[in-house]
């Protein structure tokens, strides 16, 4: 069962990296500090980390979208 997809608005993101600090098992950073997110539906077990990453973003550039079913 999937819980959703973690998405980022690349225009709003400033590459602060707070999302990766809040959810290190889920969010990696590129060399400039911008998030690299899983390109798949999240599992139910990953949802708390995804919510923590989204809440940690000072620019509100991360959010949870609907699951794609794939």
C-alpha atoms as a PDB file:
ATOM      1  CA  UNK A   1       0.000   0.000   0.000  1.00  0.00           C
ATOM      2  CA  UNK A   2       1.327   3.437  -0.891  1.00  0.00           C
ATOM      3  CA  UNK A   3       0.819   6.679   0.940  1.00  0.00           C
ATOM      4  CA  UNK A   4       1.678   9.334  -1.609  1.00  0.00           C
ATOM      5  CA  UNK A   5       4.563  10.919  -3.459  1.00  0.00           C
ATOM      6  CA  UNK A   6       6.975  13.476  -2.025  1.00  0.00           C
ATOM      7  CA  UNK A   7       7.292  16.406  -4.431  1.00  0.00           C
ATOM      8  CA  UNK A   8       9.419  19.556  -4.587  1.00  0.00           C
ATOM      9  CA  UNK A   9       8.864  22.915  -6.243  1.00  0.00           C
ATOM     10  CA  UNK A  10      12.344  23.584  -7.685  1.00  0.00           C
ATOM     11  CA  UNK A  11      11.638  27.297  -8.068  1.00  0.00           C
ATOM     12  CA  UNK A  12      10.646  27.760  -4.414  1.00  0.00           C
ATOM     13  CA  UNK A  13      13.442  25.547  -3.047  1.00  0.00           C
ATOM     14  CA  UNK A  14      16.521  27.420  -1.810  1.00  0.00           C
ATOM     15  CA  UNK A  15      18.605  24.293  -1.183  1.00  0.00           C
ATOM     16  CA  UNK A  16      18.694  24.788   2.583  1.00  0.00           C
ATOM     17  CA  UNK A  17      18.781  21.027   3.249  1.00  0.00           C
ATOM     18  CA  UNK A  18      16.433  20.973   6.237  1.00  0.00           C
ATOM     19  CA  UNK A  19      14.362  18.275   4.530  1.00  0.00           C
ATOM     20  CA  UNK A  20      17.348  15.916   4.430  1.00  0.00           C
ATOM     21  CA  UNK A  21      18.127  16.597   8.085  1.00  0.00           C
ATOM     22  CA  UNK A  22      14.522  15.791   9.016  1.00  0.00           C
ATOM     23  CA  UNK A  23      14.341  12.629   6.869  1.00  0.00           C
ATOM     24  CA  UNK A  24      17.852  11.397   6.022  1.00  0.00           C
ATOM     25  CA  UNK A  25      16.657   7.929   5.007  1.00  0.00           C
ATOM     26  CA  UNK A  26      14.277   9.425   2.450  1.00  0.00           C
ATOM     27  CA  UNK A  27      15.868  12.629   1.116  1.00  0.00           C
ATOM     28  CA  UNK A  28      19.345  12.938  -0.403  1.00  0.00           C
ATOM     29  CA  UNK A  29      20.935  16.223  -1.441  1.00  0.00           C
ATOM     30  CA  UNK A  30      22.707  17.016  -4.670  1.00  0.00           C
ATOM     31  CA  UNK A  31      26.055  18.841  -4.627  1.00  0.00           C
ATOM     32  CA  UNK A  32      24.290  22.222  -4.377  1.00  0.00           C
ATOM     33  CA  UNK A  33      22.060  21.216  -1.449  1.00  0.00           C
ATOM     34  CA  UNK A  34      18.847  20.625  -3.399  1.00  0.00           C
ATOM     35  CA  UNK A  35      16.727  17.585  -2.522  1.00  0.00           C
ATOM     36  CA  UNK A  36      16.796  14.362  -4.497  1.00  0.00           C
ATOM     37  CA  UNK A  37      13.521  12.611  -3.775  1.00  0.00           C
ATOM     38  CA  UNK A  38      12.307   9.053  -4.388  1.00  0.00           C
ATOM     39  CA  UNK A  39      10.610   8.819  -7.780  1.00  0.00           C
ATOM     40  CA  UNK A  40       8.009   6.346  -6.601  1.00  0.00           C
ATOM     41  CA  UNK A  41       5.021   6.017  -4.346  1.00  0.00           C
ATOM     42  CA  UNK A  42       6.010   6.023  -0.693  1.00  0.00           C
ATOM     43  CA  UNK A  43       5.185   3.170   1.621  1.00  0.00           C
ATOM     44  CA  UNK A  44       3.053   3.706   4.676  1.00  0.00           C
ATOM     45  CA  UNK A  45       6.170   3.322   6.823  1.00  0.00           C
ATOM     46  CA  UNK A  46       7.865   6.191   4.943  1.00  0.00           C
ATOM     47  CA  UNK A  47       4.994   8.629   5.401  1.00  0.00           C
ATOM     48  CA  UNK A  48       6.075   9.992   8.818  1.00  0.00           C
ATOM     49  CA  UNK A  49       9.532  10.824   7.425  1.00  0.00           C
ATOM     50  CA  UNK A  50       7.994  12.431   4.332  1.00  0.00           C
ATOM     51  CA  UNK A  51       5.740  14.581   6.504  1.00  0.00           C
ATOM     52  CA  UNK A  52       8.710  15.572   8.663  1.00  0.00           C
ATOM     53  CA  UNK A  53      10.691  16.566   5.553  1.00  0.00           C
ATOM     54  CA  UNK A  54       7.824  18.673   4.212  1.00  0.00           C
ATOM     55  CA  UNK A  55       7.276  20.374   7.570  1.00  0.00           C
ATOM     56  CA  UNK A  56      10.990  21.130   7.949  1.00  0.00           C
ATOM     57  CA  UNK A  57      11.187  23.100   4.700  1.00  0.00           C
ATOM     58  CA  UNK A  58      11.406  26.825   5.523  1.00  0.00           C
ATOM     59  CA  UNK A  59      10.206  27.732   2.006  1.00  0.00           C
ATOM     60  CA  UNK A  60       7.352  25.193   1.955  1.00  0.00           C
ATOM     61  CA  UNK A  61       8.796  23.833  -1.289  1.00  0.00           C
ATOM     62  CA  UNK A  62       8.049  20.193  -0.396  1.00  0.00           C
ATOM     63  CA  UNK A  63       4.637  18.615  -0.218  1.00  0.00           C
ATOM     64  CA  UNK A  64       2.948  15.235  -0.392  1.00  0.00           C
ATOM     65  CA  UNK A  65       1.049  14.523  -3.579  1.00  0.00           C
ATOM     66  CA  UNK A  66      -1.416  11.764  -4.375  1.00  0.00           C
ATOM     67  CA  UNK A  67      -0.033   8.312  -5.007  1.00  0.00           C
ATOM     68  CA  UNK A  68       0.462   7.453  -8.656  1.00  0.00           C
ATOM     69  CA  UNK A  69      -0.361   3.785  -8.214  1.00  0.00           C
ATOM     70  CA  UNK A  70       2.956   2.721  -9.673  1.00  0.00           C
END
